[in-house]
Amino acid sequence: MNSSKSTSAVVLGGGISGLFATRVLAEHYDTVTLVDRDHLTGPNLLRRGLPQGHHLHGLLARGQEITEEHFPGITDQMVADGSAIGDASNDVRWIIAGKPLVQTDSGLTCLTASRPFFESHIRDRVLALPNVVLSEQTDISRLDVSEDGKRVQGVWVFPEGKHETLLPADLVVDASGRGSRLSVWLDDLGYGKVPEEKHKIGMGYATRYYEIPDEAFEGNISVNTVASPEVPRGCICQKIDGGRAIVTAYGILGDHPPTDPEGYLDFIKSLAAPDIYNILQQAKPLNDPVAYKFPTNLRRHYELMSDLPSGILAIGDGVASFNPSYAQGMTVAALGSVVLRDHVAGGGPVDTLAYFKDLAQNAVDGCWDVAVSNDLAFPGVEGERTPEITETHEFIAKVQDAAAVDAEVSRAFQRVIGLADHYTVLHEPHLEAKILGA
């Protein structure tokens, strides 16, 4: 932001979305303060504010590309530090409806690592920026708003062991996650309730870490058995940092994997394909299974508000929180950072409503529609199955069948899954002919 006056921004939340936001803002503001209630630089990488941090996370291919754009060389650094890397199709075995998709070169990078590993590498790069200030172990209290209520001009916080303190800011970005209080603050300020959309899926998953010999993976870095309406259970077994493998099994509508070792293994044995169960016959467990529950998809439609104050934006799970089995969360945060970059690049005040409309269109809508539509393929999930959704389910089932026998369809489908290409590529005449003919 070019101005003779010193400018400042504050980011609320030091997770992936907050780190991406801080990176973008640091290019345009003189000072960016990153606020988080956790001890981010402490020895415990499984921080309190990320209860799901123990479980499997992934950057889809587009998210990986954006991460490298923001932090040049970070991919090579993570690989040097122990992350596994490969082609998102050729080196990943996808099994859908019990059938493996054809493995072929997709041209997309797949990086596999634990969530703390991803987060710590990105955080190190962000905190190395000279105009970034970290305020960790700091609780967020309330917004500071102009007398007329039209402009957010900072945030009040409680640093550990200190009194409530004001952090003045030209822009505040809320990246505090699913538990964000922004919608409540806006209602209290008289802007009305932010429309919310929820879809109950009753998902639960359990994760266990293993030592697995390389030969058990048969040249892959990840084996993904996807839940389907016929067998609504899934599992991912993936090489990660530290010479370990992570195994996350999941089920929906209350059908959750047990956390006793025997029951956990029996759950994996019941999947539509035996691949991961067979791999685990050669594995050494490093811990007992740990569970986590995700009851509902949640979206806050800020873009539908008629009015919002200036000086406040939101990004990440506080806007949309998805079914985690689709691994979209970190990539949607990355896409959101690109939208944020576009809106702060010109300097001057950011048009809040224009930002949220752009965020919806270019970061959230597509992924949200895919998640909700996919969830509705499971008979027990509540929601309206319009003719368009039913038609989409039928077409995707045919795509999956074709991708199990045709390399070109498999490549196209997996590039769509990775958000590298728009789903409309599947309707290109020569591909659609293969899909419908399969």
Protein backbone atom coordinates (compact mmCIF):
# COMPACT_ATOMS: atom_id res chain seq x y z
CA MET A 1 0.00 0.00 0.00
CA ASN A 2 1.71 3.16 -1.19
CA SER A 3 1.14 6.08 1.16
CA SER A 4 3.19 8.54 3.18
CA LYS A 5 1.22 7.35 6.22
CA SER A 6 2.38 4.13 7.81
CA THR A 7 -0.20 1.38 7.22
CA SER A 8 -1.01 -1.68 9.27
CA ALA A 9 -3.07 -4.85 9.05
CA VAL A 10 -4.03 -7.44 11.65
CA VAL A 11 -4.73 -11.11 10.95
CA LEU A 12 -6.76 -13.05 13.51
CA GLY A 13 -5.66 -16.68 13.55
CA GLY A 14 -2.30 -18.28 12.86
CA GLY A 15 -3.45 -21.40 10.99
CA ILE A 16 -2.97 -22.04 7.29
CA SER A 17 -5.52 -19.44 6.14
CA GLY A 18 -4.05 -16.83 8.50
CA LEU A 19 -0.54 -17.55 7.29
CA PHE A 20 -1.55 -17.23 3.64
CA ALA A 21 -3.37 -13.98 4.42
CA THR A 22 -0.38 -12.58 6.30
CA ARG A 23 1.92 -13.42 3.40
CA VAL A 24 -0.30 -11.52 0.97
CA LEU A 25 -0.82 -8.51 3.24
CA ALA A 26 2.89 -8.18 3.95
CA GLU A 27 3.38 -7.08 0.35
CA HIS A 28 1.02 -4.12 0.73
CA TYR A 29 1.08 -2.98 4.38
CA ASP A 30 3.98 -1.56 6.36
CA THR A 31 3.21 -3.79 9.35
CA VAL A 32 1.14 -6.97 9.62
CA THR A 33 0.41 -8.37 13.08
CA LEU A 34 -0.52 -12.05 13.28
CA VAL A 35 -2.58 -12.86 16.39
CA ASP A 36 -3.19 -16.34 17.78
CA ARG A 37 -4.18 -17.75 21.15
CA ASP A 38 -1.73 -20.65 20.86
CA HIS A 39 2.00 -20.77 21.49
CA LEU A 40 2.78 -21.11 17.80
CA THR A 41 6.55 -21.14 18.19
CA GLY A 42 6.52 -23.56 21.09
CA PRO A 43 7.71 -27.18 21.02
CA ASN A 44 4.20 -28.66 20.77
CA LEU A 45 3.37 -28.62 17.07
CA LEU A 46 -0.01 -30.25 17.75
CA ARG A 47 -1.34 -26.97 19.07
CA ARG A 48 -4.50 -26.55 21.13
CA GLY A 49 -6.33 -24.49 18.51
CA LEU A 50 -6.07 -27.25 15.90
CA PRO A 51 -7.73 -30.30 17.47
CA GLN A 52 -7.82 -32.02 14.05
CA GLY A 53 -4.10 -31.40 13.53
CA HIS A 54 -3.26 -35.00 14.41
CA HIS A 55 -5.19 -36.22 11.38
CA LEU A 56 -4.42 -36.37 7.68
CA HIS A 57 -4.35 -33.10 5.74
CA GLY A 58 -3.44 -32.41 2.17
CA LEU A 59 -2.96 -29.63 -0.31
CA LEU A 60 -4.70 -30.34 -3.58
CA ALA A 61 -2.62 -29.65 -6.66
CA ARG A 62 -3.87 -26.08 -7.10
CA GLY A 63 -3.21 -25.35 -3.45
CA GLN A 64 0.32 -26.67 -3.85
CA GLU A 65 0.87 -24.37 -6.84
CA ILE A 66 -0.31 -21.32 -4.90
CA THR A 67 1.86 -22.23 -1.92
CA GLU A 68 4.91 -22.34 -4.18
CA GLU A 69 3.90 -18.98 -5.72
CA HIS A 70 3.73 -17.39 -2.26
CA PHE A 71 6.89 -19.07 -0.99
CA PRO A 72 9.27 -19.90 -3.84
CA GLY A 73 11.37 -22.95 -3.11
CA ILE A 74 9.23 -24.20 -0.24
CA THR A 75 8.36 -27.43 -2.07
CA ASP A 76 12.02 -28.40 -2.40
CA GLN A 77 12.60 -27.42 1.23
CA MET A 78 9.77 -29.62 2.48
CA VAL A 79 10.99 -32.55 0.40
CA ALA A 80 14.52 -32.06 1.78
CA ASP A 81 13.04 -32.10 5.28
CA GLY A 82 11.20 -35.38 4.77
CA SER A 83 7.97 -34.83 2.85
CA ALA A 84 7.10 -37.34 0.15
CA ILE A 85 6.53 -36.05 -3.38
CA GLY A 86 5.14 -37.49 -6.58
CA ASP A 87 2.66 -37.07 -9.39
CA ALA A 88 -0.92 -36.64 -8.16
CA SER A 89 -2.09 -39.50 -10.38
CA ASN A 90 0.92 -41.59 -11.33
CA ASP A 91 2.16 -41.93 -7.75
CA VAL A 92 -1.21 -41.99 -5.98
CA ARG A 93 -3.47 -45.04 -6.13
CA TRP A 94 -7.08 -43.87 -6.18
CA ILE A 95 -9.71 -46.55 -5.56
CA ILE A 96 -13.31 -45.44 -6.12
CA ALA A 97 -16.32 -47.76 -5.81
CA GLY A 98 -13.82 -50.57 -5.29
CA LYS A 99 -12.04 -49.98 -8.61
CA PRO A 100 -8.58 -48.44 -8.99
CA LEU A 101 -8.33 -45.54 -11.42
CA VAL A 102 -5.75 -45.78 -14.18
CA GLN A 103 -2.50 -44.29 -12.91
CA THR A 104 -1.01 -41.91 -15.47
CA ASP A 105 1.05 -38.74 -15.54
CA SER A 106 -1.16 -35.78 -14.56
CA GLY A 107 1.51 -33.11 -14.54
CA LEU A 108 0.44 -32.16 -11.00
CA THR A 109 2.61 -32.25 -7.91
CA CYS A 110 1.41 -34.14 -4.86
CA LEU A 111 3.23 -33.39 -1.61
CA THR A 112 2.37 -35.54 1.41
CA ALA A 113 3.19 -34.55 4.98
CA SER A 114 1.58 -34.09 8.38
CA ARG A 115 -0.44 -30.95 9.12
CA PRO A 116 2.11 -29.67 11.70
CA PHE A 117 4.86 -30.16 9.11
CA PHE A 118 2.99 -28.14 6.46
CA GLU A 119 2.07 -25.44 8.94
CA SER A 120 5.49 -25.03 10.54
CA HIS A 121 7.27 -24.69 7.17
CA ILE A 122 4.80 -22.07 5.95
CA ARG A 123 4.89 -20.27 9.31
CA ASP A 124 8.69 -20.11 9.30
CA ARG A 125 8.60 -18.40 5.91
CA VAL A 126 5.91 -15.94 7.03
CA LEU A 127 7.63 -15.01 10.29
CA ALA A 128 10.87 -14.40 8.39
CA LEU A 129 9.19 -11.47 6.59
CA PRO A 130 10.64 -8.28 8.11
CA ASN A 131 7.30 -6.46 8.50
CA VAL A 132 5.41 -9.33 10.17
CA VAL A 133 4.89 -9.21 13.94
CA LEU A 134 3.67 -12.28 15.85
CA SER A 135 1.41 -11.85 18.87
CA GLU A 136 1.03 -15.41 20.14
CA GLN A 137 -0.73 -16.58 23.31
CA THR A 138 -3.13 -13.71 22.72
CA ASP A 139 -6.91 -13.98 22.98
CA ILE A 140 -9.15 -11.96 20.66
CA SER A 141 -11.62 -9.79 22.57
CA ARG A 142 -13.62 -7.56 20.23
CA LEU A 143 -13.46 -5.30 17.22
CA ASP A 144 -12.70 -1.59 17.53
CA VAL A 145 -15.26 0.26 15.42
CA SER A 146 -15.69 3.89 14.45
CA GLU A 147 -18.43 5.89 16.20
CA ASP A 148 -20.80 5.58 13.25
CA GLY A 149 -20.23 1.80 13.09
CA LYS A 150 -19.22 1.96 9.45
CA ARG A 151 -15.52 1.19 9.79
CA VAL A 152 -13.49 -1.39 11.70
CA GLN A 153 -10.34 0.37 12.81
CA GLY A 154 -8.62 -2.31 14.87
CA VAL A 155 -9.11 -5.15 17.32
CA TRP A 156 -8.91 -5.45 21.11
CA VAL A 157 -6.87 -8.39 22.35
CA PHE A 158 -5.70 -9.96 25.62
CA PRO A 159 -2.01 -10.91 25.45
CA GLU A 160 -1.27 -13.54 28.09
CA GLY A 161 -0.65 -11.94 31.45
CA LYS A 162 -1.48 -8.43 30.22
CA HIS A 163 -4.46 -6.09 30.12
CA GLU A 164 -6.80 -5.69 27.15
CA THR A 165 -4.84 -3.97 24.39
CA LEU A 166 -5.89 -2.20 21.20
CA LEU A 167 -4.21 -3.13 17.93
CA PRO A 168 -5.12 -0.32 15.50
CA ALA A 169 -5.36 -1.43 11.87
CA ASP A 170 -6.32 -0.19 8.44
CA LEU A 171 -7.54 -3.73 7.74
CA VAL A 172 -8.48 -6.68 9.95
CA VAL A 173 -8.67 -10.15 8.38
CA ASP A 174 -10.49 -12.82 10.39
CA ALA A 175 -8.83 -16.19 9.85
CA SER A 176 -9.86 -17.61 13.21
CA GLY A 177 -11.51 -20.70 11.76
CA ARG A 178 -14.88 -22.37 12.05
CA GLY A 179 -15.43 -20.85 15.51
CA SER A 180 -15.09 -17.31 14.13
CA ARG A 181 -17.17 -14.72 16.02
CA LEU A 182 -17.32 -12.27 13.12
CA SER A 183 -20.94 -13.03 12.25
CA VAL A 184 -21.94 -12.43 15.89
CA TRP A 185 -19.99 -9.15 16.04
CA LEU A 186 -21.66 -7.93 12.86
CA ASP A 187 -25.11 -8.74 14.21
CA ASP A 188 -24.29 -6.91 17.45
CA LEU A 189 -23.23 -3.88 15.39
CA GLY A 190 -26.63 -3.77 13.72
CA TYR A 191 -25.78 -5.31 10.35
CA GLY A 192 -28.11 -8.25 10.84
CA LYS A 193 -27.54 -11.97 10.84
CA VAL A 194 -25.18 -13.45 8.29
CA PRO A 195 -27.07 -16.18 6.34
CA GLU A 196 -25.74 -19.62 7.23
CA GLU A 197 -26.02 -22.90 5.37
CA LYS A 198 -25.50 -26.22 7.12
CA HIS A 199 -25.54 -29.80 5.89
CA LYS A 200 -25.41 -32.59 8.45
CA ILE A 201 -23.09 -35.42 7.43
CA GLY A 202 -22.22 -36.96 10.79
CA MET A 203 -18.65 -37.71 9.76
CA GLY A 204 -16.15 -39.26 12.10
CA TYR A 205 -12.60 -40.33 11.45
CA ALA A 206 -9.73 -41.95 13.29
CA THR A 207 -6.02 -41.72 12.59
CA ARG A 208 -3.09 -43.93 13.42
CA TYR A 209 0.60 -43.55 12.59
CA TYR A 210 2.74 -46.45 11.38
CA GLU A 211 6.14 -47.48 10.19
CA ILE A 212 5.55 -49.07 6.77
CA PRO A 213 8.28 -50.44 4.50
CA ASP A 214 8.53 -48.70 1.13
CA GLU A 215 7.89 -51.89 -0.80
CA ALA A 216 4.41 -52.18 0.75
CA PHE A 217 3.37 -49.01 -1.11
CA GLU A 218 4.40 -50.57 -4.45
CA GLY A 219 5.84 -47.30 -5.75
CA ASN A 220 3.01 -45.07 -4.51
CA ILE A 221 3.18 -42.26 -1.97
CA SER A 222 -0.51 -42.55 -1.09
CA VAL A 223 -3.29 -45.11 -1.39
CA ASN A 224 -6.79 -43.59 -1.24
CA THR A 225 -9.84 -45.82 -0.90
CA VAL A 226 -12.79 -43.45 -1.34
CA ALA A 227 -16.14 -43.91 0.39
CA SER A 228 -19.03 -44.52 -1.99
CA PRO A 229 -22.81 -44.91 -1.59
CA GLU A 230 -22.36 -48.69 -1.82
CA VAL A 231 -19.66 -48.77 0.89
CA PRO A 232 -19.81 -45.46 2.81
CA ARG A 233 -16.45 -45.98 4.46
CA GLY A 234 -13.09 -44.73 3.26
CA CYS A 235 -9.44 -44.57 4.21
CA ILE A 236 -6.18 -42.94 3.13
CA CYS A 237 -2.74 -44.44 3.78
CA GLN A 238 0.03 -41.99 3.01
CA LYS A 239 3.77 -41.57 3.35
CA ILE A 240 4.63 -38.47 5.38
CA ASP A 241 7.54 -36.73 7.08
CA GLY A 242 9.63 -38.41 9.73
CA GLY A 243 9.82 -41.69 7.83
CA ARG A 244 6.27 -42.42 8.95
CA ALA A 245 2.95 -43.24 7.34
CA ILE A 246 -0.39 -41.80 8.37
CA VAL A 247 -3.63 -43.77 8.08
CA THR A 248 -6.95 -41.96 8.44
CA ALA A 249 -10.14 -44.02 8.20
CA TYR A 250 -13.55 -42.35 8.04
CA GLY A 251 -17.27 -42.96 7.85
CA ILE A 252 -20.41 -40.82 7.71
CA LEU A 253 -23.80 -40.67 9.44
CA GLY A 254 -22.45 -42.07 12.69
CA ASP A 255 -20.66 -45.05 11.13
CA HIS A 256 -17.29 -44.11 12.60
CA PRO A 257 -14.10 -46.16 12.86
CA PRO A 258 -13.44 -47.55 16.35
CA THR A 259 -10.39 -46.40 18.28
CA ASP A 260 -9.42 -49.79 19.68
CA PRO A 261 -6.64 -51.26 17.50
CA GLU A 262 -8.53 -54.44 16.60
CA GLY A 263 -11.77 -52.65 15.75
CA TYR A 264 -9.85 -50.04 13.76
CA LEU A 265 -8.21 -52.70 11.62
CA ASP A 266 -11.52 -54.52 11.15
CA PHE A 267 -13.09 -51.27 9.92
CA ILE A 268 -10.34 -50.90 7.32
CA LYS A 269 -10.76 -54.55 6.34
CA SER A 270 -14.42 -53.80 5.54
CA LEU A 271 -13.59 -51.21 2.85
CA ALA A 272 -14.55 -51.72 -0.78
CA ALA A 273 -10.97 -52.78 -1.64
CA PRO A 274 -8.35 -54.64 0.43
CA ASP A 275 -5.32 -52.54 -0.57
CA ILE A 276 -4.82 -50.58 2.65
CA TYR A 277 -5.63 -53.55 4.87
CA ASN A 278 -2.99 -55.56 3.02
CA ILE A 279 -0.42 -52.77 3.45
CA LEU A 280 -1.07 -52.70 7.19
CA GLN A 281 -0.20 -56.37 7.46
CA GLN A 282 3.41 -55.23 6.96
CA ALA A 283 3.14 -52.20 9.24
CA LYS A 284 4.29 -51.40 12.77
CA PRO A 285 1.87 -49.14 14.72
CA LEU A 286 3.38 -46.11 16.40
CA ASN A 287 0.34 -45.13 18.49
CA ASP A 288 -3.27 -46.00 19.18
CA PRO A 289 -5.99 -44.62 16.89
CA VAL A 290 -7.18 -41.09 17.70
CA ALA A 291 -10.72 -39.97 16.79
CA TYR A 292 -12.26 -36.71 15.58
CA LYS A 293 -15.85 -35.84 14.64
CA PHE A 294 -17.08 -33.43 11.97
CA PRO A 295 -20.88 -33.17 12.23
CA THR A 296 -21.82 -30.60 9.57
CA ASN A 297 -20.64 -28.66 6.56
CA LEU A 298 -20.99 -24.98 7.45
CA ARG A 299 -21.02 -21.90 5.22
CA ARG A 300 -21.49 -18.26 6.16
CA HIS A 301 -22.78 -16.27 3.19
CA TYR A 302 -21.20 -12.87 3.78
CA GLU A 303 -21.60 -12.18 0.06
CA LEU A 304 -25.38 -12.08 0.53
CA MET A 305 -25.29 -9.28 3.09
CA SER A 306 -26.73 -5.92 1.97
CA ASP A 307 -24.18 -3.90 3.93
CA LEU A 308 -20.95 -4.51 5.83
CA PRO A 309 -18.45 -2.23 7.54
CA SER A 310 -15.20 -1.41 5.82
CA GLY A 311 -11.90 -2.59 7.24
CA ILE A 312 -12.91 -6.18 8.02
CA LEU A 313 -12.65 -9.32 5.87
CA ALA A 314 -12.70 -13.06 6.53
CA ILE A 315 -10.98 -16.05 4.96
CA GLY A 316 -10.80 -19.82 5.41
CA ASP A 317 -13.00 -22.04 7.58
CA GLY A 318 -14.74 -19.04 9.13
CA VAL A 319 -16.41 -18.56 5.74
CA ALA A 320 -16.81 -22.20 4.65
CA SER A 321 -15.95 -25.43 6.42
CA PHE A 322 -16.14 -28.53 4.23
CA ASN A 323 -16.41 -32.28 4.56
CA PRO A 324 -12.75 -33.07 5.31
CA SER A 325 -12.71 -36.26 3.24
CA TYR A 326 -12.47 -34.11 0.10
CA ALA A 327 -9.26 -32.43 1.36
CA GLN A 328 -10.39 -29.03 0.10
CA GLY A 329 -9.88 -26.89 3.21
CA MET A 330 -6.25 -25.82 2.89
CA THR A 331 -6.58 -25.34 -0.87
CA VAL A 332 -9.68 -23.15 -0.47
CA ALA A 333 -7.65 -21.07 2.01
CA ALA A 334 -4.94 -20.75 -0.64
CA LEU A 335 -7.50 -19.73 -3.28
CA GLY A 336 -8.89 -17.19 -0.83
CA SER A 337 -5.44 -15.66 -0.42
CA VAL A 338 -5.29 -15.06 -4.18
CA VAL A 339 -8.63 -13.21 -3.99
CA LEU A 340 -7.35 -11.21 -1.02
CA ARG A 341 -4.19 -10.33 -2.94
CA ASP A 342 -6.26 -8.95 -5.80
CA HIS A 343 -8.35 -6.76 -3.50
CA VAL A 344 -5.50 -5.21 -1.52
CA ALA A 345 -3.16 -4.75 -4.47
CA GLY A 346 -4.57 -1.40 -5.57
CA GLY A 347 -3.97 0.35 -2.27
CA GLY A 348 -6.58 2.29 -0.34
CA PRO A 349 -9.68 0.91 1.42
CA VAL A 350 -10.92 -2.52 0.40
CA ASP A 351 -14.54 -2.85 -0.74
CA THR A 352 -15.77 -5.44 1.78
CA LEU A 353 -18.83 -6.66 -0.12
CA ALA A 354 -16.94 -6.81 -3.42
CA TYR A 355 -14.28 -8.95 -1.72
CA PHE A 356 -16.81 -11.40 -0.29
CA LYS A 357 -18.62 -11.72 -3.62
CA ASP A 358 -15.30 -12.41 -5.34
CA LEU A 359 -14.29 -14.87 -2.62
CA ALA A 360 -17.54 -16.76 -3.09
CA GLN A 361 -17.24 -16.90 -6.86
CA ASN A 362 -13.53 -17.68 -7.19
CA ALA A 363 -12.66 -19.65 -4.06
CA VAL A 364 -15.71 -21.13 -2.34
CA ASP A 365 -18.70 -21.77 -4.62
CA GLY A 366 -17.21 -24.51 -6.78
CA CYS A 367 -15.75 -26.50 -3.90
CA TRP A 368 -18.87 -26.04 -1.78
CA ASP A 369 -21.13 -27.25 -4.59
CA VAL A 370 -18.93 -30.29 -5.18
CA ALA A 371 -18.86 -31.18 -1.48
CA VAL A 372 -22.61 -30.81 -1.00
CA SER A 373 -23.43 -32.65 -4.22
CA ASN A 374 -21.06 -35.50 -3.39
CA ASP A 375 -22.49 -35.81 0.12
CA LEU A 376 -26.01 -36.05 -1.31
CA ALA A 377 -24.94 -39.14 -3.25
CA PHE A 378 -25.13 -40.97 0.10
CA PRO A 379 -28.80 -41.93 0.68
CA GLY A 380 -28.86 -41.10 4.39
CA VAL A 381 -27.65 -37.52 4.01
CA GLU A 382 -30.50 -35.03 4.31
CA GLY A 383 -31.02 -32.49 1.53
CA GLU A 384 -32.85 -31.82 -1.71
CA ARG A 385 -31.74 -33.95 -4.62
CA THR A 386 -32.73 -31.81 -7.57
CA PRO A 387 -32.81 -33.28 -11.08
CA GLU A 388 -29.55 -31.43 -11.76
CA ILE A 389 -27.84 -33.06 -8.76
CA THR A 390 -29.16 -36.49 -9.70
CA GLU A 391 -27.88 -35.99 -13.25
CA THR A 392 -24.49 -34.95 -11.88
CA HIS A 393 -24.32 -38.08 -9.71
CA GLU A 394 -25.06 -40.27 -12.72
CA PHE A 395 -22.46 -38.53 -14.86
CA ILE A 396 -19.73 -38.67 -12.20
CA ALA A 397 -20.39 -42.38 -11.71
CA LYS A 398 -19.77 -42.84 -15.44
CA VAL A 399 -16.62 -40.70 -15.23
CA GLN A 400 -15.31 -42.92 -12.45
CA ASP A 401 -16.08 -46.07 -14.42
CA ALA A 402 -14.28 -44.67 -17.46
CA ALA A 403 -11.32 -43.48 -15.38
CA ALA A 404 -10.83 -47.05 -14.19
CA VAL A 405 -10.13 -48.20 -17.76
CA ASP A 406 -9.03 -45.13 -19.76
CA ALA A 407 -5.86 -43.16 -18.98
CA GLU A 408 -7.00 -39.94 -20.67
CA VAL A 409 -10.25 -39.83 -18.70
CA SER A 410 -8.40 -40.69 -15.51
CA ARG A 411 -5.92 -37.86 -16.08
CA ALA A 412 -8.71 -35.34 -16.78
CA PHE A 413 -10.76 -36.45 -13.79
CA GLN A 414 -7.83 -36.24 -11.40
CA ARG A 415 -6.89 -32.78 -12.63
CA VAL A 416 -10.46 -31.74 -11.83
CA ILE A 417 -10.19 -33.32 -8.37
CA GLY A 418 -6.97 -31.35 -7.84
CA LEU A 419 -8.75 -28.08 -8.82
CA ALA A 420 -6.21 -27.58 -11.58
CA ASP A 421 -8.90 -27.74 -14.28
CA HIS A 422 -12.58 -26.79 -14.28
CA TYR A 423 -15.05 -29.70 -14.26
CA THR A 424 -16.38 -28.61 -17.67
CA VAL A 425 -13.32 -30.23 -19.30
CA LEU A 426 -15.05 -33.55 -18.68
CA HIS A 427 -17.75 -32.45 -21.13
CA GLU A 428 -15.35 -31.81 -23.98
CA PRO A 429 -16.71 -33.88 -26.89
CA HIS A 430 -13.92 -36.45 -27.21
CA LEU A 431 -13.76 -37.02 -23.42
CA GLU A 432 -17.50 -37.15 -23.00
CA ALA A 433 -17.73 -39.73 -25.78
CA LYS A 434 -15.24 -41.91 -23.91
CA ILE A 435 -17.07 -41.41 -20.62
CA LEU A 436 -20.51 -42.24 -21.99
CA GLY A 437 -19.15 -45.13 -24.02
CA ALA A 438 -17.37 -46.79 -21.12
